[in-house]
């Protein structure tokens, strides 16, 4: 019985661990979604800016203004590269958290299986004890019947 209580306690702790891992996975998924949205915004802003400058350059612009545009686009490209790194890290975090969740889920399934096996062993022992008591009672009853005859 003590080992059954221990396994039930372990199952409870593992459930809490699994639930915490689910929350972590969900949090990292939100971070990933936000990083994807930012990347999309950066890319669309870079595309819009390039399109505006393409139209503007056909009308003629000063060299200083074009230099400023190229510097701005270089910085925007740097921001896109940095966001790519953030996006990659967010994807790794989601993957790692998901693996931790799966590990907790497997551990929980293992404890559940142990509990089922232990409960089955306990039930078999109780059944054997009950059968032994029944057999002893029947034997005692039969002896008493022979003595009274």
C-alpha atoms as a PDB file:
ATOM      1  CA  UNK A   1       0.000   0.000   0.000  1.00  0.00           C
ATOM      2  CA  UNK A   2       2.846   2.358   0.825  1.00  0.00           C
ATOM      3  CA  UNK A   3       4.373   1.900  -2.607  1.00  0.00           C
ATOM      4  CA  UNK A   4       0.987   2.613  -4.196  1.00  0.00           C
ATOM      5  CA  UNK A   5       0.768   5.887  -2.261  1.00  0.00           C
ATOM      6  CA  UNK A   6       4.284   6.742  -3.424  1.00  0.00           C
ATOM      7  CA  UNK A   7       3.365   6.140  -7.042  1.00  0.00           C
ATOM      8  CA  UNK A   8       0.162   8.167  -6.708  1.00  0.00           C
ATOM      9  CA  UNK A   9       2.238  11.000  -5.243  1.00  0.00           C
ATOM     10  CA  UNK A  10       4.762  10.689  -8.092  1.00  0.00           C
ATOM     11  CA  UNK A  11       1.901  10.779 -10.605  1.00  0.00           C
ATOM     12  CA  UNK A  12       0.602  13.979  -9.034  1.00  0.00           C
ATOM     13  CA  UNK A  13       4.019  15.606  -9.162  1.00  0.00           C
ATOM     14  CA  UNK A  14       4.550  14.488 -12.749  1.00  0.00           C
ATOM     15  CA  UNK A  15       1.132  15.883 -13.709  1.00  0.00           C
ATOM     16  CA  UNK A  16       2.160  19.236 -12.282  1.00  0.00           C
ATOM     17  CA  UNK A  17       5.451  19.052 -14.179  1.00  0.00           C
ATOM     18  CA  UNK A  18       3.634  18.201 -17.410  1.00  0.00           C
ATOM     19  CA  UNK A  19       1.141  21.036 -16.922  1.00  0.00           C
ATOM     20  CA  UNK A  20       4.013  23.458 -16.319  1.00  0.00           C
ATOM     21  CA  UNK A  21       5.654  22.229 -19.524  1.00  0.00           C
ATOM     22  CA  UNK A  22       2.420  22.832 -21.444  1.00  0.00           C
ATOM     23  CA  UNK A  23       2.387  26.417 -20.186  1.00  0.00           C
ATOM     24  CA  UNK A  24       6.026  26.867 -21.197  1.00  0.00           C
ATOM     25  CA  UNK A  25       5.353  25.464 -24.670  1.00  0.00           C
ATOM     26  CA  UNK A  26       2.392  27.814 -25.093  1.00  0.00           C
ATOM     27  CA  UNK A  27       4.435  30.799 -23.914  1.00  0.00           C
ATOM     28  CA  UNK A  28       7.246  29.991 -26.377  1.00  0.00           C
ATOM     29  CA  UNK A  29       4.698  29.536 -29.154  1.00  0.00           C
ATOM     30  CA  UNK A  30       3.359  33.030 -28.441  1.00  0.00           C
ATOM     31  CA  UNK A  31       6.927  34.395 -28.535  1.00  0.00           C
ATOM     32  CA  UNK A  32       7.476  32.612 -31.851  1.00  0.00           C
ATOM     33  CA  UNK A  33       4.239  34.007 -33.290  1.00  0.00           C
ATOM     34  CA  UNK A  34       5.239  37.514 -32.191  1.00  0.00           C
ATOM     35  CA  UNK A  35       8.716  37.082 -33.727  1.00  0.00           C
ATOM     36  CA  UNK A  36       7.136  35.868 -36.983  1.00  0.00           C
ATOM     37  CA  UNK A  37       4.826  38.866 -37.023  1.00  0.00           C
ATOM     38  CA  UNK A  38       7.749  41.233 -36.471  1.00  0.00           C
ATOM     39  CA  UNK A  39       9.710  39.543 -39.258  1.00  0.00           C
ATOM     40  CA  UNK A  40       6.742  39.898 -41.569  1.00  0.00           C
ATOM     41  CA  UNK A  41       6.434  43.584 -40.704  1.00  0.00           C
ATOM     42  CA  UNK A  42      10.151  44.184 -41.278  1.00  0.00           C
ATOM     43  CA  UNK A  43      10.077  42.427 -44.643  1.00  0.00           C
ATOM     44  CA  UNK A  44       6.967  44.247 -45.816  1.00  0.00           C
ATOM     45  CA  UNK A  45       8.402  47.586 -44.641  1.00  0.00           C
ATOM     46  CA  UNK A  46      11.649  46.873 -46.503  1.00  0.00           C
ATOM     47  CA  UNK A  47       9.681  45.972 -49.636  1.00  0.00           C
ATOM     48  CA  UNK A  48       7.491  49.086 -49.416  1.00  0.00           C
ATOM     49  CA  UNK A  49      10.516  51.313 -48.871  1.00  0.00           C
ATOM     50  CA  UNK A  50      12.348  49.783 -51.834  1.00  0.00           C
ATOM     51  CA  UNK A  51       9.289  50.207 -54.030  1.00  0.00           C
ATOM     52  CA  UNK A  52       8.921  53.875 -53.009  1.00  0.00           C
ATOM     53  CA  UNK A  53      12.575  54.565 -53.701  1.00  0.00           C
ATOM     54  CA  UNK A  54      12.432  52.807 -57.053  1.00  0.00           C
ATOM     55  CA  UNK A  55       9.635  55.135 -58.131  1.00  0.00           C
ATOM     56  CA  UNK A  56      11.357  58.126 -56.560  1.00  0.00           C
ATOM     57  CA  UNK A  57      14.721  57.374 -58.185  1.00  0.00           C
ATOM     58  CA  UNK A  58      13.144  57.374 -61.631  1.00  0.00           C
ATOM     59  CA  UNK A  59      12.157  61.021 -61.109  1.00  0.00           C
ATOM     60  CA  UNK A  60      15.663  61.880 -60.031  1.00  0.00           C
ATOM     61  CA  UNK A  61      17.092  62.286 -56.543  1.00  0.00           C
ATOM     62  CA  UNK A  62      20.226  63.822 -55.123  1.00  0.00           C
ATOM     63  CA  UNK A  63      23.265  61.650 -54.396  1.00  0.00           C
ATOM     64  CA  UNK A  64      23.049  62.548 -50.704  1.00  0.00           C
ATOM     65  CA  UNK A  65      19.485  61.353 -50.540  1.00  0.00           C
ATOM     66  CA  UNK A  66      20.379  58.118 -52.321  1.00  0.00           C
ATOM     67  CA  UNK A  67      23.293  57.593 -49.895  1.00  0.00           C
ATOM     68  CA  UNK A  68      20.902  58.102 -46.987  1.00  0.00           C
ATOM     69  CA  UNK A  69      18.498  55.588 -48.540  1.00  0.00           C
ATOM     70  CA  UNK A  70      21.233  52.960 -48.956  1.00  0.00           C
ATOM     71  CA  UNK A  71      22.366  53.484 -45.357  1.00  0.00           C
ATOM     72  CA  UNK A  72      18.789  53.171 -44.151  1.00  0.00           C
ATOM     73  CA  UNK A  73      18.237  50.007 -46.170  1.00  0.00           C
ATOM     74  CA  UNK A  74      21.496  48.535 -44.796  1.00  0.00           C
ATOM     75  CA  UNK A  75      20.286  49.173 -41.260  1.00  0.00           C
ATOM     76  CA  UNK A  76      16.904  47.724 -42.084  1.00  0.00           C
ATOM     77  CA  UNK A  77      18.628  44.639 -43.509  1.00  0.00           C
ATOM     78  CA  UNK A  78      20.665  44.386 -40.266  1.00  0.00           C
ATOM     79  CA  UNK A  79      17.413  44.486 -38.309  1.00  0.00           C
ATOM     80  CA  UNK A  80      16.035  41.700 -40.504  1.00  0.00           C
ATOM     81  CA  UNK A  81      19.147  39.607 -39.854  1.00  0.00           C
ATOM     82  CA  UNK A  82      18.812  40.188 -36.106  1.00  0.00           C
ATOM     83  CA  UNK A  83      15.148  39.259 -36.263  1.00  0.00           C
ATOM     84  CA  UNK A  84      16.086  36.084 -38.124  1.00  0.00           C
ATOM     85  CA  UNK A  85      18.328  35.169 -35.191  1.00  0.00           C
ATOM     86  CA  UNK A  86      15.482  35.906 -32.760  1.00  0.00           C
ATOM     87  CA  UNK A  87      13.152  33.777 -34.865  1.00  0.00           C
ATOM     88  CA  UNK A  88      15.623  30.884 -34.958  1.00  0.00           C
ATOM     89  CA  UNK A  89      16.072  31.039 -31.182  1.00  0.00           C
ATOM     90  CA  UNK A  90      12.301  31.130 -30.655  1.00  0.00           C
ATOM     91  CA  UNK A  91      11.906  28.038 -32.844  1.00  0.00           C
ATOM     92  CA  UNK A  92      14.633  26.227 -30.874  1.00  0.00           C
ATOM     93  CA  UNK A  93      12.923  27.214 -27.612  1.00  0.00           C
ATOM     94  CA  UNK A  94       9.584  25.853 -28.814  1.00  0.00           C
ATOM     95  CA  UNK A  95      11.227  22.610 -29.942  1.00  0.00           C
ATOM     96  CA  UNK A  96      13.092  22.194 -26.647  1.00  0.00           C
ATOM     97  CA  UNK A  97      10.002  22.941 -24.570  1.00  0.00           C
ATOM     98  CA  UNK A  98       7.982  20.490 -26.663  1.00  0.00           C
ATOM     99  CA  UNK A  99      10.605  17.783 -26.095  1.00  0.00           C
ATOM    100  CA  UNK A 100      10.466  18.466 -22.337  1.00  0.00           C
ATOM    101  CA  UNK A 101       6.684  18.185 -22.479  1.00  0.00           C
ATOM    102  CA  UNK A 102       6.896  14.846 -24.300  1.00  0.00           C
ATOM    103  CA  UNK A 103       9.404  13.595 -21.739  1.00  0.00           C
ATOM    104  CA  UNK A 104       7.056  14.531 -18.890  1.00  0.00           C
ATOM    105  CA  UNK A 105       4.174  12.874 -20.735  1.00  0.00           C
ATOM    106  CA  UNK A 106       6.181   9.647 -21.159  1.00  0.00           C
ATOM    107  CA  UNK A 107       7.188   9.722 -17.504  1.00  0.00           C
ATOM    108  CA  UNK A 108       3.541  10.146 -16.518  1.00  0.00           C
ATOM    109  CA  UNK A 109       2.520   7.224 -18.732  1.00  0.00           C
ATOM    110  CA  UNK A 110       5.269   5.135 -17.144  1.00  0.00           C
ATOM    111  CA  UNK A 111       4.037   5.948 -13.635  1.00  0.00           C
ATOM    112  CA  UNK A 112       0.461   5.168 -14.661  1.00  0.00           C
ATOM    113  CA  UNK A 113       1.600   1.797 -15.994  1.00  0.00           C
ATOM    114  CA  UNK A 114       3.504   1.109 -12.767  1.00  0.00           C
ATOM    115  CA  UNK A 115       0.428   2.038 -10.747  1.00  0.00           C
ATOM    116  CA  UNK A 116      -1.767  -0.273 -12.804  1.00  0.00           C
ATOM    117  CA  UNK A 117       0.690  -3.171 -12.386  1.00  0.00           C
ATOM    118  CA  UNK A 118       1.072  -2.540  -8.661  1.00  0.00           C
ATOM    119  CA  UNK A 119      -2.707  -2.315  -8.222  1.00  0.00           C
ATOM    120  CA  UNK A 120      -3.080  -5.588 -10.108  1.00  0.00           C
ATOM    121  CA  UNK A 121      -0.460  -7.223  -7.827  1.00  0.00           C
ATOM    122  CA  UNK A 122      -2.273  -5.926  -4.744  1.00  0.00           C
ATOM    123  CA  UNK A 123      -5.606  -7.190  -6.079  1.00  0.00           C
ATOM    124  CA  UNK A 124      -4.108 -10.642  -6.731  1.00  0.00           C
ATOM    125  CA  UNK A 125      -2.648 -10.774  -3.199  1.00  0.00           C
ATOM    126  CA  UNK A 126      -5.974  -9.730  -1.686  1.00  0.00           C
ATOM    127  CA  UNK A 127      -7.810 -12.270  -3.789  1.00  0.00           C
ATOM    128  CA  UNK A 128      -5.423 -15.024  -2.691  1.00  0.00           C
ATOM    129  CA  UNK A 129      -5.768 -13.980   0.948  1.00  0.00           C
ATOM    130  CA  UNK A 130      -9.566 -13.988   0.662  1.00  0.00           C
ATOM    131  CA  UNK A 131      -9.458 -17.400  -1.017  1.00  0.00           C
ATOM    132  CA  UNK A 132      -7.167 -18.714   1.729  1.00  0.00           C
ATOM    133  CA  UNK A 133      -9.533 -17.431   4.412  1.00  0.00           C
ATOM    134  CA  UNK A 134     -12.488 -18.973   2.610  1.00  0.00           C
ATOM    135  CA  UNK A 135     -10.670 -22.302   2.300  1.00  0.00           C
ATOM    136  CA  UNK A 136      -9.674 -22.239   5.982  1.00  0.00           C
ATOM    137  CA  UNK A 137     -13.235 -21.403   6.996  1.00  0.00           C
ATOM    138  CA  UNK A 138     -14.577 -24.240   4.864  1.00  0.00           C
ATOM    139  CA  UNK A 139     -12.003 -26.656   6.267  1.00  0.00           C
ATOM    140  CA  UNK A 140     -12.814 -25.592   9.827  1.00  0.00           C
ATOM    141  CA  UNK A 141     -16.526 -25.996   9.121  1.00  0.00           C
ATOM    142  CA  UNK A 142     -16.011 -29.440   7.655  1.00  0.00           C
ATOM    143  CA  UNK A 143     -13.951 -30.531  10.690  1.00  0.00           C
ATOM    144  CA  UNK A 144     -16.700 -29.295  13.011  1.00  0.00           C
ATOM    145  CA  UNK A 145     -19.305 -31.225  10.986  1.00  0.00           C
ATOM    146  CA  UNK A 146     -17.286 -34.446  11.325  1.00  0.00           C
ATOM    147  CA  UNK A 147     -16.836 -33.883  15.078  1.00  0.00           C
ATOM    148  CA  UNK A 148     -20.551 -33.473  15.651  1.00  0.00           C
ATOM    149  CA  UNK A 149     -21.381 -36.687  13.871  1.00  0.00           C
END
